PDBML (XML) file of the C-alpha atoms, coordinates in Angstrom:
<?xml version="1.0" encoding="UTF-8" ?>
<PDBx:datablock datablockName="MODEL"
   xmlns:PDBx="http://pdbml.pdb.org/schema/pdbx-v50.xsd"
   xmlns:xsi="http://www.w3.org/2001/XMLSchema-instance"
   xsi:schemaLocation="http://pdbml.pdb.org/schema/pdbx-v50.xsd pdbx-v50.xsd">
   <PDBx:atom_siteCategory>
      <PDBx:atom_site id="1">
         <PDBx:B_iso_or_equiv>0.00</PDBx:B_iso_or_equiv>
         <PDBx:Cartn_x>-34.509</PDBx:Cartn_x>
         <PDBx:Cartn_y>-46.935</PDBx:Cartn_y>
         <PDBx:Cartn_z>74.075</PDBx:Cartn_z>
         <PDBx:auth_asym_id>A</PDBx:auth_asym_id>
         <PDBx:auth_atom_id>CA</PDBx:auth_atom_id>
         <PDBx:auth_comp_id>UNK</PDBx:auth_comp_id>
         <PDBx:auth_seq_id>1</PDBx:auth_seq_id>
         <PDBx:group_PDB>ATOM</PDBx:group_PDB>
         <PDBx:label_alt_id xsi:nil="true" />
         <PDBx:label_asym_id>A</PDBx:label_asym_id>
         <PDBx:label_atom_id>CA</PDBx:label_atom_id>
         <PDBx:label_comp_id>UNK</PDBx:label_comp_id>
         <PDBx:label_entity_id>1</PDBx:label_entity_id>
         <PDBx:label_seq_id>1</PDBx:label_seq_id>
         <PDBx:occupancy>1.00</PDBx:occupancy>
         <PDBx:pdbx_PDB_model_num>1</PDBx:pdbx_PDB_model_num>
         <PDBx:type_symbol>C</PDBx:type_symbol>
      </PDBx:atom_site>
      <PDBx:atom_site id="2">
         <PDBx:B_iso_or_equiv>0.00</PDBx:B_iso_or_equiv>
         <PDBx:Cartn_x>-35.750</PDBx:Cartn_x>
         <PDBx:Cartn_y>-43.710</PDBx:Cartn_y>
         <PDBx:Cartn_z>72.487</PDBx:Cartn_z>
         <PDBx:auth_asym_id>A</PDBx:auth_asym_id>
         <PDBx:auth_atom_id>CA</PDBx:auth_atom_id>
         <PDBx:auth_comp_id>UNK</PDBx:auth_comp_id>
         <PDBx:auth_seq_id>2</PDBx:auth_seq_id>
         <PDBx:group_PDB>ATOM</PDBx:group_PDB>
         <PDBx:label_alt_id xsi:nil="true" />
         <PDBx:label_asym_id>A</PDBx:label_asym_id>
         <PDBx:label_atom_id>CA</PDBx:label_atom_id>
         <PDBx:label_comp_id>UNK</PDBx:label_comp_id>
         <PDBx:label_entity_id>1</PDBx:label_entity_id>
         <PDBx:label_seq_id>2</PDBx:label_seq_id>
         <PDBx:occupancy>1.00</PDBx:occupancy>
         <PDBx:pdbx_PDB_model_num>1</PDBx:pdbx_PDB_model_num>
         <PDBx:type_symbol>C</PDBx:type_symbol>
      </PDBx:atom_site>
      <PDBx:atom_site id="3">
         <PDBx:B_iso_or_equiv>0.00</PDBx:B_iso_or_equiv>
         <PDBx:Cartn_x>-38.011</PDBx:Cartn_x>
         <PDBx:Cartn_y>-42.878</PDBx:Cartn_y>
         <PDBx:Cartn_z>75.433</PDBx:Cartn_z>
         <PDBx:auth_asym_id>A</PDBx:auth_asym_id>
         <PDBx:auth_atom_id>CA</PDBx:auth_atom_id>
         <PDBx:auth_comp_id>UNK</PDBx:auth_comp_id>
         <PDBx:auth_seq_id>3</PDBx:auth_seq_id>
         <PDBx:group_PDB>ATOM</PDBx:group_PDB>
         <PDBx:label_alt_id xsi:nil="true" />
         <PDBx:label_asym_id>A</PDBx:label_asym_id>
         <PDBx:label_atom_id>CA</PDBx:label_atom_id>
         <PDBx:label_comp_id>UNK</PDBx:label_comp_id>
         <PDBx:label_entity_id>1</PDBx:label_entity_id>
         <PDBx:label_seq_id>3</PDBx:label_seq_id>
         <PDBx:occupancy>1.00</PDBx:occupancy>
         <PDBx:pdbx_PDB_model_num>1</PDBx:pdbx_PDB_model_num>
         <PDBx:type_symbol>C</PDBx:type_symbol>
      </PDBx:atom_site>
      <PDBx:atom_site id="4">
         <PDBx:B_iso_or_equiv>0.00</PDBx:B_iso_or_equiv>
         <PDBx:Cartn_x>-35.263</PDBx:Cartn_x>
         <PDBx:Cartn_y>-43.351</PDBx:Cartn_y>
         <PDBx:Cartn_z>78.018</PDBx:Cartn_z>
         <PDBx:auth_asym_id>A</PDBx:auth_asym_id>
         <PDBx:auth_atom_id>CA</PDBx:auth_atom_id>
         <PDBx:auth_comp_id>UNK</PDBx:auth_comp_id>
         <PDBx:auth_seq_id>4</PDBx:auth_seq_id>
         <PDBx:group_PDB>ATOM</PDBx:group_PDB>
         <PDBx:label_alt_id xsi:nil="true" />
         <PDBx:label_asym_id>A</PDBx:label_asym_id>
         <PDBx:label_atom_id>CA</PDBx:label_atom_id>
         <PDBx:label_comp_id>UNK</PDBx:label_comp_id>
         <PDBx:label_entity_id>1</PDBx:label_entity_id>
         <PDBx:label_seq_id>4</PDBx:label_seq_id>
         <PDBx:occupancy>1.00</PDBx:occupancy>
         <PDBx:pdbx_PDB_model_num>1</PDBx:pdbx_PDB_model_num>
         <PDBx:type_symbol>C</PDBx:type_symbol>
      </PDBx:atom_site>
      <PDBx:atom_site id="5">
         <PDBx:B_iso_or_equiv>0.00</PDBx:B_iso_or_equiv>
         <PDBx:Cartn_x>-32.660</PDBx:Cartn_x>
         <PDBx:Cartn_y>-41.466</PDBx:Cartn_y>
         <PDBx:Cartn_z>75.996</PDBx:Cartn_z>
         <PDBx:auth_asym_id>A</PDBx:auth_asym_id>
         <PDBx:auth_atom_id>CA</PDBx:auth_atom_id>
         <PDBx:auth_comp_id>UNK</PDBx:auth_comp_id>
         <PDBx:auth_seq_id>5</PDBx:auth_seq_id>
         <PDBx:group_PDB>ATOM</PDBx:group_PDB>
         <PDBx:label_alt_id xsi:nil="true" />
         <PDBx:label_asym_id>A</PDBx:label_asym_id>
         <PDBx:label_atom_id>CA</PDBx:label_atom_id>
         <PDBx:label_comp_id>UNK</PDBx:label_comp_id>
         <PDBx:label_entity_id>1</PDBx:label_entity_id>
         <PDBx:label_seq_id>5</PDBx:label_seq_id>
         <PDBx:occupancy>1.00</PDBx:occupancy>
         <PDBx:pdbx_PDB_model_num>1</PDBx:pdbx_PDB_model_num>
         <PDBx:type_symbol>C</PDBx:type_symbol>
      </PDBx:atom_site>
      <PDBx:atom_site id="6">
         <PDBx:B_iso_or_equiv>0.00</PDBx:B_iso_or_equiv>
         <PDBx:Cartn_x>-34.807</PDBx:Cartn_x>
         <PDBx:Cartn_y>-38.519</PDBx:Cartn_y>
         <PDBx:Cartn_z>74.923</PDBx:Cartn_z>
         <PDBx:auth_asym_id>A</PDBx:auth_asym_id>
         <PDBx:auth_atom_id>CA</PDBx:auth_atom_id>
         <PDBx:auth_comp_id>UNK</PDBx:auth_comp_id>
         <PDBx:auth_seq_id>6</PDBx:auth_seq_id>
         <PDBx:group_PDB>ATOM</PDBx:group_PDB>
         <PDBx:label_alt_id xsi:nil="true" />
         <PDBx:label_asym_id>A</PDBx:label_asym_id>
         <PDBx:label_atom_id>CA</PDBx:label_atom_id>
         <PDBx:label_comp_id>UNK</PDBx:label_comp_id>
         <PDBx:label_entity_id>1</PDBx:label_entity_id>
         <PDBx:label_seq_id>6</PDBx:label_seq_id>
         <PDBx:occupancy>1.00</PDBx:occupancy>
         <PDBx:pdbx_PDB_model_num>1</PDBx:pdbx_PDB_model_num>
         <PDBx:type_symbol>C</PDBx:type_symbol>
      </PDBx:atom_site>
      <PDBx:atom_site id="7">
         <PDBx:B_iso_or_equiv>0.00</PDBx:B_iso_or_equiv>
         <PDBx:Cartn_x>-35.422</PDBx:Cartn_x>
         <PDBx:Cartn_y>-36.720</PDBx:Cartn_y>
         <PDBx:Cartn_z>78.181</PDBx:Cartn_z>
         <PDBx:auth_asym_id>A</PDBx:auth_asym_id>
         <PDBx:auth_atom_id>CA</PDBx:auth_atom_id>
         <PDBx:auth_comp_id>UNK</PDBx:auth_comp_id>
         <PDBx:auth_seq_id>7</PDBx:auth_seq_id>
         <PDBx:group_PDB>ATOM</PDBx:group_PDB>
         <PDBx:label_alt_id xsi:nil="true" />
         <PDBx:label_asym_id>A</PDBx:label_asym_id>
         <PDBx:label_atom_id>CA</PDBx:label_atom_id>
         <PDBx:label_comp_id>UNK</PDBx:label_comp_id>
         <PDBx:label_entity_id>1</PDBx:label_entity_id>
         <PDBx:label_seq_id>7</PDBx:label_seq_id>
         <PDBx:occupancy>1.00</PDBx:occupancy>
         <PDBx:pdbx_PDB_model_num>1</PDBx:pdbx_PDB_model_num>
         <PDBx:type_symbol>C</PDBx:type_symbol>
      </PDBx:atom_site>
      <PDBx:atom_site id="8">
         <PDBx:B_iso_or_equiv>0.00</PDBx:B_iso_or_equiv>
         <PDBx:Cartn_x>-32.880</PDBx:Cartn_x>
         <PDBx:Cartn_y>-37.793</PDBx:Cartn_y>
         <PDBx:Cartn_z>80.734</PDBx:Cartn_z>
         <PDBx:auth_asym_id>A</PDBx:auth_asym_id>
         <PDBx:auth_atom_id>CA</PDBx:auth_atom_id>
         <PDBx:auth_comp_id>UNK</PDBx:auth_comp_id>
         <PDBx:auth_seq_id>8</PDBx:auth_seq_id>
         <PDBx:group_PDB>ATOM</PDBx:group_PDB>
         <PDBx:label_alt_id xsi:nil="true" />
         <PDBx:label_asym_id>A</PDBx:label_asym_id>
         <PDBx:label_atom_id>CA</PDBx:label_atom_id>
         <PDBx:label_comp_id>UNK</PDBx:label_comp_id>
         <PDBx:label_entity_id>1</PDBx:label_entity_id>
         <PDBx:label_seq_id>8</PDBx:label_seq_id>
         <PDBx:occupancy>1.00</PDBx:occupancy>
         <PDBx:pdbx_PDB_model_num>1</PDBx:pdbx_PDB_model_num>
         <PDBx:type_symbol>C</PDBx:type_symbol>
      </PDBx:atom_site>
      <PDBx:atom_site id="9">
         <PDBx:B_iso_or_equiv>0.00</PDBx:B_iso_or_equiv>
         <PDBx:Cartn_x>-34.270</PDBx:Cartn_x>
         <PDBx:Cartn_y>-35.411</PDBx:Cartn_y>
         <PDBx:Cartn_z>83.364</PDBx:Cartn_z>
         <PDBx:auth_asym_id>A</PDBx:auth_asym_id>
         <PDBx:auth_atom_id>CA</PDBx:auth_atom_id>
         <PDBx:auth_comp_id>UNK</PDBx:auth_comp_id>
         <PDBx:auth_seq_id>9</PDBx:auth_seq_id>
         <PDBx:group_PDB>ATOM</PDBx:group_PDB>
         <PDBx:label_alt_id xsi:nil="true" />
         <PDBx:label_asym_id>A</PDBx:label_asym_id>
         <PDBx:label_atom_id>CA</PDBx:label_atom_id>
         <PDBx:label_comp_id>UNK</PDBx:label_comp_id>
         <PDBx:label_entity_id>1</PDBx:label_entity_id>
         <PDBx:label_seq_id>9</PDBx:label_seq_id>
         <PDBx:occupancy>1.00</PDBx:occupancy>
         <PDBx:pdbx_PDB_model_num>1</PDBx:pdbx_PDB_model_num>
         <PDBx:type_symbol>C</PDBx:type_symbol>
      </PDBx:atom_site>
      <PDBx:atom_site id="10">
         <PDBx:B_iso_or_equiv>0.00</PDBx:B_iso_or_equiv>
         <PDBx:Cartn_x>-37.817</PDBx:Cartn_x>
         <PDBx:Cartn_y>-36.763</PDBx:Cartn_y>
         <PDBx:Cartn_z>83.200</PDBx:Cartn_z>
         <PDBx:auth_asym_id>A</PDBx:auth_asym_id>
         <PDBx:auth_atom_id>CA</PDBx:auth_atom_id>
         <PDBx:auth_comp_id>UNK</PDBx:auth_comp_id>
         <PDBx:auth_seq_id>10</PDBx:auth_seq_id>
         <PDBx:group_PDB>ATOM</PDBx:group_PDB>
         <PDBx:label_alt_id xsi:nil="true" />
         <PDBx:label_asym_id>A</PDBx:label_asym_id>
         <PDBx:label_atom_id>CA</PDBx:label_atom_id>
         <PDBx:label_comp_id>UNK</PDBx:label_comp_id>
         <PDBx:label_entity_id>1</PDBx:label_entity_id>
         <PDBx:label_seq_id>10</PDBx:label_seq_id>
         <PDBx:occupancy>1.00</PDBx:occupancy>
         <PDBx:pdbx_PDB_model_num>1</PDBx:pdbx_PDB_model_num>
         <PDBx:type_symbol>C</PDBx:type_symbol>
      </PDBx:atom_site>
      <PDBx:atom_site id="11">
         <PDBx:B_iso_or_equiv>0.00</PDBx:B_iso_or_equiv>
         <PDBx:Cartn_x>-39.250</PDBx:Cartn_x>
         <PDBx:Cartn_y>-38.172</PDBx:Cartn_y>
         <PDBx:Cartn_z>86.435</PDBx:Cartn_z>
         <PDBx:auth_asym_id>A</PDBx:auth_asym_id>
         <PDBx:auth_atom_id>CA</PDBx:auth_atom_id>
         <PDBx:auth_comp_id>UNK</PDBx:auth_comp_id>
         <PDBx:auth_seq_id>11</PDBx:auth_seq_id>
         <PDBx:group_PDB>ATOM</PDBx:group_PDB>
         <PDBx:label_alt_id xsi:nil="true" />
         <PDBx:label_asym_id>A</PDBx:label_asym_id>
         <PDBx:label_atom_id>CA</PDBx:label_atom_id>
         <PDBx:label_comp_id>UNK</PDBx:label_comp_id>
         <PDBx:label_entity_id>1</PDBx:label_entity_id>
         <PDBx:label_seq_id>11</PDBx:label_seq_id>
         <PDBx:occupancy>1.00</PDBx:occupancy>
         <PDBx:pdbx_PDB_model_num>1</PDBx:pdbx_PDB_model_num>
         <PDBx:type_symbol>C</PDBx:type_symbol>
      </PDBx:atom_site>
      <PDBx:atom_site id="12">
         <PDBx:B_iso_or_equiv>0.00</PDBx:B_iso_or_equiv>
         <PDBx:Cartn_x>-41.302</PDBx:Cartn_x>
         <PDBx:Cartn_y>-41.230</PDBx:Cartn_y>
         <PDBx:Cartn_z>85.621</PDBx:Cartn_z>
         <PDBx:auth_asym_id>A</PDBx:auth_asym_id>
         <PDBx:auth_atom_id>CA</PDBx:auth_atom_id>
         <PDBx:auth_comp_id>UNK</PDBx:auth_comp_id>
         <PDBx:auth_seq_id>12</PDBx:auth_seq_id>
         <PDBx:group_PDB>ATOM</PDBx:group_PDB>
         <PDBx:label_alt_id xsi:nil="true" />
         <PDBx:label_asym_id>A</PDBx:label_asym_id>
         <PDBx:label_atom_id>CA</PDBx:label_atom_id>
         <PDBx:label_comp_id>UNK</PDBx:label_comp_id>
         <PDBx:label_entity_id>1</PDBx:label_entity_id>
         <PDBx:label_seq_id>12</PDBx:label_seq_id>
         <PDBx:occupancy>1.00</PDBx:occupancy>
         <PDBx:pdbx_PDB_model_num>1</PDBx:pdbx_PDB_model_num>
         <PDBx:type_symbol>C</PDBx:type_symbol>
      </PDBx:atom_site>
      <PDBx:atom_site id="13">
         <PDBx:B_iso_or_equiv>0.00</PDBx:B_iso_or_equiv>
         <PDBx:Cartn_x>-44.583</PDBx:Cartn_x>
         <PDBx:Cartn_y>-42.025</PDBx:Cartn_y>
         <PDBx:Cartn_z>87.320</PDBx:Cartn_z>
         <PDBx:auth_asym_id>A</PDBx:auth_asym_id>
         <PDBx:auth_atom_id>CA</PDBx:auth_atom_id>
         <PDBx:auth_comp_id>UNK</PDBx:auth_comp_id>
         <PDBx:auth_seq_id>13</PDBx:auth_seq_id>
         <PDBx:group_PDB>ATOM</PDBx:group_PDB>
         <PDBx:label_alt_id xsi:nil="true" />
         <PDBx:label_asym_id>A</PDBx:label_asym_id>
         <PDBx:label_atom_id>CA</PDBx:label_atom_id>
         <PDBx:label_comp_id>UNK</PDBx:label_comp_id>
         <PDBx:label_entity_id>1</PDBx:label_entity_id>
         <PDBx:label_seq_id>13</PDBx:label_seq_id>
         <PDBx:occupancy>1.00</PDBx:occupancy>
         <PDBx:pdbx_PDB_model_num>1</PDBx:pdbx_PDB_model_num>
         <PDBx:type_symbol>C</PDBx:type_symbol>
      </PDBx:atom_site>
      <PDBx:atom_site id="14">
         <PDBx:B_iso_or_equiv>0.00</PDBx:B_iso_or_equiv>
         <PDBx:Cartn_x>-44.877</PDBx:Cartn_x>
         <PDBx:Cartn_y>-45.527</PDBx:Cartn_y>
         <PDBx:Cartn_z>85.893</PDBx:Cartn_z>
         <PDBx:auth_asym_id>A</PDBx:auth_asym_id>
         <PDBx:auth_atom_id>CA</PDBx:auth_atom_id>
         <PDBx:auth_comp_id>UNK</PDBx:auth_comp_id>
         <PDBx:auth_seq_id>14</PDBx:auth_seq_id>
         <PDBx:group_PDB>ATOM</PDBx:group_PDB>
         <PDBx:label_alt_id xsi:nil="true" />
         <PDBx:label_asym_id>A</PDBx:label_asym_id>
         <PDBx:label_atom_id>CA</PDBx:label_atom_id>
         <PDBx:label_comp_id>UNK</PDBx:label_comp_id>
         <PDBx:label_entity_id>1</PDBx:label_entity_id>
         <PDBx:label_seq_id>14</PDBx:label_seq_id>
         <PDBx:occupancy>1.00</PDBx:occupancy>
         <PDBx:pdbx_PDB_model_num>1</PDBx:pdbx_PDB_model_num>
         <PDBx:type_symbol>C</PDBx:type_symbol>
      </PDBx:atom_site>
      <PDBx:atom_site id="15">
         <PDBx:B_iso_or_equiv>0.00</PDBx:B_iso_or_equiv>
         <PDBx:Cartn_x>-42.930</PDBx:Cartn_x>
         <PDBx:Cartn_y>-48.071</PDBx:Cartn_y>
         <PDBx:Cartn_z>83.892</PDBx:Cartn_z>
         <PDBx:auth_asym_id>A</PDBx:auth_asym_id>
         <PDBx:auth_atom_id>CA</PDBx:auth_atom_id>
         <PDBx:auth_comp_id>UNK</PDBx:auth_comp_id>
         <PDBx:auth_seq_id>15</PDBx:auth_seq_id>
         <PDBx:group_PDB>ATOM</PDBx:group_PDB>
         <PDBx:label_alt_id xsi:nil="true" />
         <PDBx:label_asym_id>A</PDBx:label_asym_id>
         <PDBx:label_atom_id>CA</PDBx:label_atom_id>
         <PDBx:label_comp_id>UNK</PDBx:label_comp_id>
         <PDBx:label_entity_id>1</PDBx:label_entity_id>
         <PDBx:label_seq_id>15</PDBx:label_seq_id>
         <PDBx:occupancy>1.00</PDBx:occupancy>
         <PDBx:pdbx_PDB_model_num>1</PDBx:pdbx_PDB_model_num>
         <PDBx:type_symbol>C</PDBx:type_symbol>
      </PDBx:atom_site>
      <PDBx:atom_site id="16">
         <PDBx:B_iso_or_equiv>0.00</PDBx:B_iso_or_equiv>
         <PDBx:Cartn_x>-44.682</PDBx:Cartn_x>
         <PDBx:Cartn_y>-51.284</PDBx:Cartn_y>
         <PDBx:Cartn_z>82.835</PDBx:Cartn_z>
         <PDBx:auth_asym_id>A</PDBx:auth_asym_id>
         <PDBx:auth_atom_id>CA</PDBx:auth_atom_id>
         <PDBx:auth_comp_id>UNK</PDBx:auth_comp_id>
         <PDBx:auth_seq_id>16</PDBx:auth_seq_id>
         <PDBx:group_PDB>ATOM</PDBx:group_PDB>
         <PDBx:label_alt_id xsi:nil="true" />
         <PDBx:label_asym_id>A</PDBx:label_asym_id>
         <PDBx:label_atom_id>CA</PDBx:label_atom_id>
         <PDBx:label_comp_id>UNK</PDBx:label_comp_id>
         <PDBx:label_entity_id>1</PDBx:label_entity_id>
         <PDBx:label_seq_id>16</PDBx:label_seq_id>
         <PDBx:occupancy>1.00</PDBx:occupancy>
         <PDBx:pdbx_PDB_model_num>1</PDBx:pdbx_PDB_model_num>
         <PDBx:type_symbol>C</PDBx:type_symbol>
      </PDBx:atom_site>
      <PDBx:atom_site id="17">
         <PDBx:B_iso_or_equiv>0.00</PDBx:B_iso_or_equiv>
         <PDBx:Cartn_x>-42.917</PDBx:Cartn_x>
         <PDBx:Cartn_y>-53.942</PDBx:Cartn_y>
         <PDBx:Cartn_z>80.777</PDBx:Cartn_z>
         <PDBx:auth_asym_id>A</PDBx:auth_asym_id>
         <PDBx:auth_atom_id>CA</PDBx:auth_atom_id>
         <PDBx:auth_comp_id>UNK</PDBx:auth_comp_id>
         <PDBx:auth_seq_id>17</PDBx:auth_seq_id>
         <PDBx:group_PDB>ATOM</PDBx:group_PDB>
         <PDBx:label_alt_id xsi:nil="true" />
         <PDBx:label_asym_id>A</PDBx:label_asym_id>
         <PDBx:label_atom_id>CA</PDBx:label_atom_id>
         <PDBx:label_comp_id>UNK</PDBx:label_comp_id>
         <PDBx:label_entity_id>1</PDBx:label_entity_id>
         <PDBx:label_seq_id>17</PDBx:label_seq_id>
         <PDBx:occupancy>1.00</PDBx:occupancy>
         <PDBx:pdbx_PDB_model_num>1</PDBx:pdbx_PDB_model_num>
         <PDBx:type_symbol>C</PDBx:type_symbol>
      </PDBx:atom_site>
      <PDBx:atom_site id="18">
         <PDBx:B_iso_or_equiv>0.00</PDBx:B_iso_or_equiv>
         <PDBx:Cartn_x>-43.244</PDBx:Cartn_x>
         <PDBx:Cartn_y>-57.584</PDBx:Cartn_y>
         <PDBx:Cartn_z>79.804</PDBx:Cartn_z>
         <PDBx:auth_asym_id>A</PDBx:auth_asym_id>
         <PDBx:auth_atom_id>CA</PDBx:auth_atom_id>
         <PDBx:auth_comp_id>UNK</PDBx:auth_comp_id>
         <PDBx:auth_seq_id>18</PDBx:auth_seq_id>
         <PDBx:group_PDB>ATOM</PDBx:group_PDB>
         <PDBx:label_alt_id xsi:nil="true" />
         <PDBx:label_asym_id>A</PDBx:label_asym_id>
         <PDBx:label_atom_id>CA</PDBx:label_atom_id>
         <PDBx:label_comp_id>UNK</PDBx:label_comp_id>
         <PDBx:label_entity_id>1</PDBx:label_entity_id>
         <PDBx:label_seq_id>18</PDBx:label_seq_id>
         <PDBx:occupancy>1.00</PDBx:occupancy>
         <PDBx:pdbx_PDB_model_num>1</PDBx:pdbx_PDB_model_num>
         <PDBx:type_symbol>C</PDBx:type_symbol>
      </PDBx:atom_site>
      <PDBx:atom_site id="19">
         <PDBx:B_iso_or_equiv>0.00</PDBx:B_iso_or_equiv>
         <PDBx:Cartn_x>-40.302</PDBx:Cartn_x>
         <PDBx:Cartn_y>-59.540</PDBx:Cartn_y>
         <PDBx:Cartn_z>78.408</PDBx:Cartn_z>
         <PDBx:auth_asym_id>A</PDBx:auth_asym_id>
         <PDBx:auth_atom_id>CA</PDBx:auth_atom_id>
         <PDBx:auth_comp_id>UNK</PDBx:auth_comp_id>
         <PDBx:auth_seq_id>19</PDBx:auth_seq_id>
         <PDBx:group_PDB>ATOM</PDBx:group_PDB>
         <PDBx:label_alt_id xsi:nil="true" />
         <PDBx:label_asym_id>A</PDBx:label_asym_id>
         <PDBx:label_atom_id>CA</PDBx:label_atom_id>
         <PDBx:label_comp_id>UNK</PDBx:label_comp_id>
         <PDBx:label_entity_id>1</PDBx:label_entity_id>
         <PDBx:label_seq_id>19</PDBx:label_seq_id>
         <PDBx:occupancy>1.00</PDBx:occupancy>
         <PDBx:pdbx_PDB_model_num>1</PDBx:pdbx_PDB_model_num>
         <PDBx:type_symbol>C</PDBx:type_symbol>
      </PDBx:atom_site>
      <PDBx:atom_site id="20">
         <PDBx:B_iso_or_equiv>0.00</PDBx:B_iso_or_equiv>
         <PDBx:Cartn_x>-39.270</PDBx:Cartn_x>
         <PDBx:Cartn_y>-63.134</PDBx:Cartn_y>
         <PDBx:Cartn_z>77.884</PDBx:Cartn_z>
         <PDBx:auth_asym_id>A</PDBx:auth_asym_id>
         <PDBx:auth_atom_id>CA</PDBx:auth_atom_id>
         <PDBx:auth_comp_id>UNK</PDBx:auth_comp_id>
         <PDBx:auth_seq_id>20</PDBx:auth_seq_id>
         <PDBx:group_PDB>ATOM</PDBx:group_PDB>
         <PDBx:label_alt_id xsi:nil="true" />
         <PDBx:label_asym_id>A</PDBx:label_asym_id>
         <PDBx:label_atom_id>CA</PDBx:label_atom_id>
         <PDBx:label_comp_id>UNK</PDBx:label_comp_id>
         <PDBx:label_entity_id>1</PDBx:label_entity_id>
         <PDBx:label_seq_id>20</PDBx:label_seq_id>
         <PDBx:occupancy>1.00</PDBx:occupancy>
         <PDBx:pdbx_PDB_model_num>1</PDBx:pdbx_PDB_model_num>
         <PDBx:type_symbol>C</PDBx:type_symbol>
      </PDBx:atom_site>
      <PDBx:atom_site id="21">
         <PDBx:B_iso_or_equiv>0.00</PDBx:B_iso_or_equiv>
         <PDBx:Cartn_x>-36.489</PDBx:Cartn_x>
         <PDBx:Cartn_y>-64.995</PDBx:Cartn_y>
         <PDBx:Cartn_z>79.681</PDBx:Cartn_z>
         <PDBx:auth_asym_id>A</PDBx:auth_asym_id>
         <PDBx:auth_atom_id>CA</PDBx:auth_atom_id>
         <PDBx:auth_comp_id>UNK</PDBx:auth_comp_id>
         <PDBx:auth_seq_id>21</PDBx:auth_seq_id>
         <PDBx:group_PDB>ATOM</PDBx:group_PDB>
         <PDBx:label_alt_id xsi:nil="true" />
         <PDBx:label_asym_id>A</PDBx:label_asym_id>
         <PDBx:label_atom_id>CA</PDBx:label_atom_id>
         <PDBx:label_comp_id>UNK</PDBx:label_comp_id>
         <PDBx:label_entity_id>1</PDBx:label_entity_id>
         <PDBx:label_seq_id>21</PDBx:label_seq_id>
         <PDBx:occupancy>1.00</PDBx:occupancy>
         <PDBx:pdbx_PDB_model_num>1</PDBx:pdbx_PDB_model_num>
         <PDBx:type_symbol>C</PDBx:type_symbol>
      </PDBx:atom_site>
      <PDBx:atom_site id="22">
         <PDBx:B_iso_or_equiv>0.00</PDBx:B_iso_or_equiv>
         <PDBx:Cartn_x>-33.781</PDBx:Cartn_x>
         <PDBx:Cartn_y>-64.163</PDBx:Cartn_y>
         <PDBx:Cartn_z>77.159</PDBx:Cartn_z>
         <PDBx:auth_asym_id>A</PDBx:auth_asym_id>
         <PDBx:auth_atom_id>CA</PDBx:auth_atom_id>
         <PDBx:auth_comp_id>UNK</PDBx:auth_comp_id>
         <PDBx:auth_seq_id>22</PDBx:auth_seq_id>
         <PDBx:group_PDB>ATOM</PDBx:group_PDB>
         <PDBx:label_alt_id xsi:nil="true" />
         <PDBx:label_asym_id>A</PDBx:label_asym_id>
         <PDBx:label_atom_id>CA</PDBx:label_atom_id>
         <PDBx:label_comp_id>UNK</PDBx:label_comp_id>
         <PDBx:label_entity_id>1</PDBx:label_entity_id>
         <PDBx:label_seq_id>22</PDBx:label_seq_id>
         <PDBx:occupancy>1.00</PDBx:occupancy>
         <PDBx:pdbx_PDB_model_num>1</PDBx:pdbx_PDB_model_num>
         <PDBx:type_symbol>C</PDBx:type_symbol>
      </PDBx:atom_site>
      <PDBx:atom_site id="23">
         <PDBx:B_iso_or_equiv>0.00</PDBx:B_iso_or_equiv>
         <PDBx:Cartn_x>-34.484</PDBx:Cartn_x>
         <PDBx:Cartn_y>-60.431</PDBx:Cartn_y>
         <PDBx:Cartn_z>77.342</PDBx:Cartn_z>
         <PDBx:auth_asym_id>A</PDBx:auth_asym_id>
         <PDBx:auth_atom_id>CA</PDBx:auth_atom_id>
         <PDBx:auth_comp_id>UNK</PDBx:auth_comp_id>
         <PDBx:auth_seq_id>23</PDBx:auth_seq_id>
         <PDBx:group_PDB>ATOM</PDBx:group_PDB>
         <PDBx:label_alt_id xsi:nil="true" />
         <PDBx:label_asym_id>A</PDBx:label_asym_id>
         <PDBx:label_atom_id>CA</PDBx:label_atom_id>
         <PDBx:label_comp_id>UNK</PDBx:label_comp_id>
         <PDBx:label_entity_id>1</PDBx:label_entity_id>
         <PDBx:label_seq_id>23</PDBx:label_seq_id>
         <PDBx:occupancy>1.00</PDBx:occupancy>
         <PDBx:pdbx_PDB_model_num>1</PDBx:pdbx_PDB_model_num>
         <PDBx:type_symbol>C</PDBx:type_symbol>
      </PDBx:atom_site>
      <PDBx:atom_site id="24">
         <PDBx:B_iso_or_equiv>0.00</PDBx:B_iso_or_equiv>
         <PDBx:Cartn_x>-34.496</PDBx:Cartn_x>
         <PDBx:Cartn_y>-60.416</PDBx:Cartn_y>
         <PDBx:Cartn_z>81.153</PDBx:Cartn_z>
         <PDBx:auth_asym_id>A</PDBx:auth_asym_id>
         <PDBx:auth_atom_id>CA</PDBx:auth_atom_id>
         <PDBx:auth_comp_id>UNK</PDBx:auth_comp_id>
         <PDBx:auth_seq_id>24</PDBx:auth_seq_id>
         <PDBx:group_PDB>ATOM</PDBx:group_PDB>
         <PDBx:label_alt_id xsi:nil="true" />
         <PDBx:label_asym_id>A</PDBx:label_asym_id>
         <PDBx:label_atom_id>CA</PDBx:label_atom_id>
         <PDBx:label_comp_id>UNK</PDBx:label_comp_id>
         <PDBx:label_entity_id>1</PDBx:label_entity_id>
         <PDBx:label_seq_id>24</PDBx:label_seq_id>
         <PDBx:occupancy>1.00</PDBx:occupancy>
         <PDBx:pdbx_PDB_model_num>1</PDBx:pdbx_PDB_model_num>
         <PDBx:type_symbol>C</PDBx:type_symbol>
      </PDBx:atom_site>
   </PDBx:atom_siteCategory>
</PDBx:datablock>
């Protein structure tokens, strides 16, 4: 949340996440 909200103009090279069924 903080990362995505902090710099809204940032171009991301990578985004790697793991979450369970409920989160998805």
